[in-house]
Amino acid sequence: MVFVKAQPGDTSDALIRKFMRKVLNEGILQDLKKREHYVKPAEKRKEQKKELSRRLKRNRKLAMR
């Protein structure tokens, strides 16, 4: 749960910005989007494999520099 305490002199806009920053840092929105629809275990494995190959490809490319 995300809590934002109001400091003296904080405007409502500043509080909203602080709240949104905390939500993004904790990954709550990403988690919500992931849980929005059921993903089959086979699809999860496929996505993880794709991400792994993407990371390896990127690391190889950076190592060549």
C-alpha atoms as a PDB file:
ATOM      1  CA  MET A   1       0.000   0.000   0.000  1.00  0.00           C
ATOM      2  CA  VAL A   2       1.325   3.404  -0.953  1.00  0.00           C
ATOM      3  CA  PHE A   3       1.053   6.247   1.538  1.00  0.00           C
ATOM      4  CA  VAL A   4       1.985   9.866   0.957  1.00  0.00           C
ATOM      5  CA  LYS A   5       2.152  12.213   3.917  1.00  0.00           C
ATOM      6  CA  ALA A   6       1.391  15.858   3.317  1.00  0.00           C
ATOM      7  CA  GLN A   7       4.155  18.192   4.397  1.00  0.00           C
ATOM      8  CA  PRO A   8       3.352  21.774   5.355  1.00  0.00           C
ATOM      9  CA  GLY A   9       3.194  23.847   2.197  1.00  0.00           C
ATOM     10  CA  ASP A  10       2.614  20.901  -0.192  1.00  0.00           C
ATOM     11  CA  THR A  11      -0.013  21.540  -2.816  1.00  0.00           C
ATOM     12  CA  SER A  12      -2.446  18.892  -3.961  1.00  0.00           C
ATOM     13  CA  ASP A  13      -0.578  18.700  -7.283  1.00  0.00           C
ATOM     14  CA  ALA A  14       2.681  17.990  -5.467  1.00  0.00           C
ATOM     15  CA  LEU A  15       1.013  15.227  -3.451  1.00  0.00           C
ATOM     16  CA  ILE A  16      -0.386  13.640  -6.602  1.00  0.00           C
ATOM     17  CA  ARG A  17       3.074  13.737  -8.220  1.00  0.00           C
ATOM     18  CA  LYS A  18       4.641  12.113  -5.133  1.00  0.00           C
ATOM     19  CA  PHE A  19       1.956   9.436  -5.123  1.00  0.00           C
ATOM     20  CA  MET A  20       2.394   8.651  -8.818  1.00  0.00           C
ATOM     21  CA  ARG A  21       6.179   8.491  -8.414  1.00  0.00           C
ATOM     22  CA  LYS A  22       5.846   5.991  -5.557  1.00  0.00           C
ATOM     23  CA  VAL A  23       3.360   3.887  -7.509  1.00  0.00           C
ATOM     24  CA  LEU A  24       5.703   3.743 -10.506  1.00  0.00           C
ATOM     25  CA  ASN A  25       8.756   2.942  -8.362  1.00  0.00           C
ATOM     26  CA  GLU A  26       6.984   0.072  -6.614  1.00  0.00           C
ATOM     27  CA  GLY A  27       5.796  -1.366  -9.933  1.00  0.00           C
ATOM     28  CA  ILE A  28       2.134  -1.459  -8.955  1.00  0.00           C
ATOM     29  CA  LEU A  29       0.885  -0.443 -12.408  1.00  0.00           C
ATOM     30  CA  GLN A  30       3.058  -3.029 -14.158  1.00  0.00           C
ATOM     31  CA  ASP A  31       1.786  -5.691 -11.795  1.00  0.00           C
ATOM     32  CA  LEU A  32      -1.806  -4.662 -12.470  1.00  0.00           C
ATOM     33  CA  LYS A  33      -1.289  -4.865 -16.212  1.00  0.00           C
ATOM     34  CA  LYS A  34       0.293  -8.311 -15.883  1.00  0.00           C
ATOM     35  CA  ARG A  35      -2.580  -9.605 -13.765  1.00  0.00           C
ATOM     36  CA  GLU A  36      -5.261  -8.104 -15.987  1.00  0.00           C
ATOM     37  CA  HIS A  37      -5.547 -11.304 -18.045  1.00  0.00           C
ATOM     38  CA  TYR A  38      -4.640 -14.900 -17.313  1.00  0.00           C
ATOM     39  CA  VAL A  39      -1.453 -16.040 -19.009  1.00  0.00           C
ATOM     40  CA  LYS A  40      -0.958 -19.734 -19.607  1.00  0.00           C
ATOM     41  CA  PRO A  41       2.199 -21.291 -18.127  1.00  0.00           C
ATOM     42  CA  ALA A  42       3.450 -22.157 -21.619  1.00  0.00           C
ATOM     43  CA  GLU A  43       3.076 -18.523 -22.669  1.00  0.00           C
ATOM     44  CA  LYS A  44       4.968 -17.389 -19.547  1.00  0.00           C
ATOM     45  CA  ARG A  45       7.863 -19.723 -20.397  1.00  0.00           C
ATOM     46  CA  LYS A  46       7.838 -18.530 -24.003  1.00  0.00           C
ATOM     47  CA  GLU A  47       7.999 -14.892 -22.892  1.00  0.00           C
ATOM     48  CA  GLN A  48      10.808 -15.623 -20.414  1.00  0.00           C
ATOM     49  CA  LYS A  49      12.787 -17.415 -23.121  1.00  0.00           C
ATOM     50  CA  LYS A  50      12.277 -14.491 -25.489  1.00  0.00           C
ATOM     51  CA  GLU A  51      13.414 -12.022 -22.804  1.00  0.00           C
ATOM     52  CA  LEU A  52      16.495 -14.130 -22.045  1.00  0.00           C
ATOM     53  CA  SER A  53      17.513 -14.254 -25.707  1.00  0.00           C
ATOM     54  CA  ARG A  54      16.936 -10.483 -25.983  1.00  0.00           C
ATOM     55  CA  ARG A  55      19.178  -9.861 -22.953  1.00  0.00           C
ATOM     56  CA  LEU A  56      21.905 -12.187 -24.225  1.00  0.00           C
ATOM     57  CA  LYS A  57      21.848 -10.548 -27.636  1.00  0.00           C
ATOM     58  CA  ARG A  58      22.161  -7.127 -26.042  1.00  0.00           C
ATOM     59  CA  ASN A  59      25.033  -8.241 -23.799  1.00  0.00           C
ATOM     60  CA  ARG A  60      26.906  -9.712 -26.760  1.00  0.00           C
ATOM     61  CA  LYS A  61      26.425  -6.480 -28.678  1.00  0.00           C
ATOM     62  CA  LEU A  62      27.758  -4.423 -25.762  1.00  0.00           C
ATOM     63  CA  ALA A  63      30.717  -6.792 -25.300  1.00  0.00           C
ATOM     64  CA  MET A  64      31.772  -6.274 -28.909  1.00  0.00           C
ATOM     65  CA  ARG A  65      32.382  -2.556 -28.308  1.00  0.00           C
END
